[in-house]
C-alpha atoms as a PDB file:
ATOM      1  CA  UNK A   1     -32.053  -2.498  37.086  1.00  0.00           C
ATOM      2  CA  UNK A   2     -32.298  -1.807  39.973  1.00  0.00           C
ATOM      3  CA  UNK A   3     -35.098  -4.265  42.672  1.00  0.00           C
ATOM      4  CA  UNK A   4     -37.527  -1.716  44.813  1.00  0.00           C
ATOM      5  CA  UNK A   5     -38.673  -3.542  47.968  1.00  0.00           C
ATOM      6  CA  UNK A   6     -35.376  -6.396  48.814  1.00  0.00           C
ATOM      7  CA  UNK A   7     -36.825  -6.284  51.728  1.00  0.00           C
ATOM      8  CA  UNK A   8     -39.740  -8.786  50.500  1.00  0.00           C
ATOM      9  CA  UNK A   9     -37.208 -11.070  49.594  1.00  0.00           C
ATOM     10  CA  UNK A  10     -35.457 -11.123  53.038  1.00  0.00           C
ATOM     11  CA  UNK A  11     -38.775 -11.690  54.332  1.00  0.00           C
ATOM     12  CA  UNK A  12     -40.684 -14.824  52.132  1.00  0.00           C
ATOM     13  CA  UNK A  13     -37.151 -16.368  52.547  1.00  0.00           C
ATOM     14  CA  UNK A  14     -37.256 -16.194  56.264  1.00  0.00           C
ATOM     15  CA  UNK A  15     -40.446 -17.890  55.978  1.00  0.00           C
ATOM     16  CA  UNK A  16     -39.516 -20.103  53.381  1.00  0.00           C
ATOM     17  CA  UNK A  17     -35.935 -21.293  53.674  1.00  0.00           C
ATOM     18  CA  UNK A  18     -36.165 -22.672  50.714  1.00  0.00           C
ATOM     19  CA  UNK A  19     -36.874 -20.626  48.388  1.00  0.00           C
ATOM     20  CA  UNK A  20     -33.247 -18.363  49.246  1.00  0.00           C
ATOM     21  CA  UNK A  21     -30.913 -19.552  46.526  1.00  0.00           C
ATOM     22  CA  UNK A  22     -33.581 -18.960  44.048  1.00  0.00           C
ATOM     23  CA  UNK A  23     -34.549 -15.729  45.388  1.00  0.00           C
ATOM     24  CA  UNK A  24     -30.934 -14.639  45.392  1.00  0.00           C
ATOM     25  CA  UNK A  25     -30.107 -15.573  41.907  1.00  0.00           C
ATOM     26  CA  UNK A  26     -33.630 -14.017  40.309  1.00  0.00           C
ATOM     27  CA  UNK A  27     -32.337 -10.670  42.348  1.00  0.00           C
ATOM     28  CA  UNK A  28     -28.841 -11.260  40.819  1.00  0.00           C
ATOM     29  CA  UNK A  29     -29.872 -11.447  37.884  1.00  0.00           C
ATOM     30  CA  UNK A  30     -31.974  -8.451  37.828  1.00  0.00           C
ATOM     31  CA  UNK A  31     -30.179  -6.474  39.627  1.00  0.00           C
ATOM     32  CA  UNK A  32     -26.874  -6.528  37.364  1.00  0.00           C
ATOM     33  CA  UNK A  33     -28.753  -6.563  33.702  1.00  0.00           C
ATOM     34  CA  UNK A  34     -30.785  -3.399  31.794  1.00  0.00           C
ATOM     35  CA  UNK A  35     -33.732  -4.349  30.479  1.00  0.00           C
ATOM     36  CA  UNK A  36     -35.531  -2.482  27.426  1.00  0.00           C
ATOM     37  CA  UNK A  37     -38.572  -4.894  27.026  1.00  0.00           C
ATOM     38  CA  UNK A  38     -40.008  -8.393  27.692  1.00  0.00           C
ATOM     39  CA  UNK A  39     -38.265  -9.760  24.983  1.00  0.00           C
ATOM     40  CA  UNK A  40     -35.222  -8.919  26.265  1.00  0.00           C
ATOM     41  CA  UNK A  41     -36.295 -10.282  30.010  1.00  0.00           C
ATOM     42  CA  UNK A  42     -37.529 -13.892  27.591  1.00  0.00           C
ATOM     43  CA  UNK A  43     -33.872 -13.788  26.624  1.00  0.00           C
ATOM     44  CA  UNK A  44     -32.561 -14.212  30.320  1.00  0.00           C
ATOM     45  CA  UNK A  45     -36.076 -15.901  31.790  1.00  0.00           C
ATOM     46  CA  UNK A  46     -37.543 -18.284  29.049  1.00  0.00           C
ATOM     47  CA  UNK A  47     -40.675 -19.571  31.391  1.00  0.00           C
ATOM     48  CA  UNK A  48     -41.351 -15.394  32.524  1.00  0.00           C
ATOM     49  CA  UNK A  49     -45.299 -14.568  31.400  1.00  0.00           C
ATOM     50  CA  UNK A  50     -46.142 -10.869  30.686  1.00  0.00           C
ATOM     51  CA  UNK A  51     -49.458  -9.619  31.336  1.00  0.00           C
ATOM     52  CA  UNK A  52     -49.534  -6.324  29.197  1.00  0.00           C
ATOM     53  CA  UNK A  53     -45.934  -4.658  29.169  1.00  0.00           C
ATOM     54  CA  UNK A  54     -45.128  -3.701  32.581  1.00  0.00           C
ATOM     55  CA  UNK A  55     -46.339  -7.013  34.725  1.00  0.00           C
ATOM     56  CA  UNK A  56     -43.865  -9.753  34.285  1.00  0.00           C
ATOM     57  CA  UNK A  57     -44.433 -13.116  36.083  1.00  0.00           C
ATOM     58  CA  UNK A  58     -41.579 -15.225  37.332  1.00  0.00           C
ATOM     59  CA  UNK A  59     -41.125 -19.609  37.391  1.00  0.00           C
ATOM     60  CA  UNK A  60     -38.825 -19.061  40.152  1.00  0.00           C
ATOM     61  CA  UNK A  61     -37.139 -23.001  41.752  1.00  0.00           C
ATOM     62  CA  UNK A  62     -38.949 -24.864  38.834  1.00  0.00           C
ATOM     63  CA  UNK A  63     -42.075 -22.880  39.442  1.00  0.00           C
ATOM     64  CA  UNK A  64     -42.343 -23.770  42.992  1.00  0.00           C
ATOM     65  CA  UNK A  65     -42.905 -20.245  43.307  1.00  0.00           C
ATOM     66  CA  UNK A  66     -43.967 -17.276  41.517  1.00  0.00           C
ATOM     67  CA  UNK A  67     -43.091 -13.488  41.679  1.00  0.00           C
ATOM     68  CA  UNK A  68     -44.668 -11.194  40.094  1.00  0.00           C
ATOM     69  CA  UNK A  69     -42.839  -7.684  39.557  1.00  0.00           C
ATOM     70  CA  UNK A  70     -44.347  -4.820  38.276  1.00  0.00           C
ATOM     71  CA  UNK A  71     -40.846  -3.454  35.574  1.00  0.00           C
ATOM     72  CA  UNK A  72     -40.405   0.295  34.959  1.00  0.00           C
ATOM     73  CA  UNK A  73     -38.375  -0.537  31.490  1.00  0.00           C
ATOM     74  CA  UNK A  74     -37.611   3.514  31.175  1.00  0.00           C
ATOM     75  CA  UNK A  75     -36.059   4.486  34.818  1.00  0.00           C
ATOM     76  CA  UNK A  76     -34.864   0.490  34.963  1.00  0.00           C
ATOM     77  CA  UNK A  77     -37.024  -0.273  38.003  1.00  0.00           C
ATOM     78  CA  UNK A  78     -38.228  -3.088  39.246  1.00  0.00           C
ATOM     79  CA  UNK A  79     -41.224  -3.337  41.959  1.00  0.00           C
ATOM     80  CA  UNK A  80     -41.659  -6.230  43.515  1.00  0.00           C
ATOM     81  CA  UNK A  81     -46.091  -6.998  43.955  1.00  0.00           C
ATOM     82  CA  UNK A  82     -45.819 -10.301  44.835  1.00  0.00           C
ATOM     83  CA  UNK A  83     -43.772 -14.041  45.789  1.00  0.00           C
ATOM     84  CA  UNK A  84     -45.527 -16.866  47.011  1.00  0.00           C
ATOM     85  CA  UNK A  85     -46.355 -20.814  46.072  1.00  0.00           C
ATOM     86  CA  UNK A  86     -48.171 -21.640  42.793  1.00  0.00           C
ATOM     87  CA  UNK A  87     -51.067 -23.052  44.569  1.00  0.00           C
ATOM     88  CA  UNK A  88     -50.916 -18.977  46.445  1.00  0.00           C
ATOM     89  CA  UNK A  89     -50.589 -17.708  43.048  1.00  0.00           C
ATOM     90  CA  UNK A  90     -53.501 -19.717  41.676  1.00  0.00           C
ATOM     91  CA  UNK A  91     -55.845 -17.431  43.712  1.00  0.00           C
ATOM     92  CA  UNK A  92     -54.345 -14.429  42.796  1.00  0.00           C
ATOM     93  CA  UNK A  93     -56.776 -11.644  41.092  1.00  0.00           C
ATOM     94  CA  UNK A  94     -54.573 -10.685  38.682  1.00  0.00           C
ATOM     95  CA  UNK A  95     -56.378  -7.858  37.263  1.00  0.00           C
ATOM     96  CA  UNK A  96     -55.456  -5.691  40.603  1.00  0.00           C
ATOM     97  CA  UNK A  97     -51.344  -5.735  40.532  1.00  0.00           C
END
């Protein structure tokens, strides 16, 4: 699966260097796997949650960070929509993703 906007990850870990290793691992896994459904993602990322079929919420670094991505299974592309701390995530309006 191709992850778009890797620069979003780079920008985030420049500001939050402790997140780098964890986000690199997430990116590496997503970038080399193919997923056709939320269930397939759950097999690798057991703590992932989903809003509908195409918005995935990933817990990063033991839930210290949250990453939200829109996933297009049909064309194997993941769009990063948000990266932040759990506290920042709690302030989001998830209906606007």
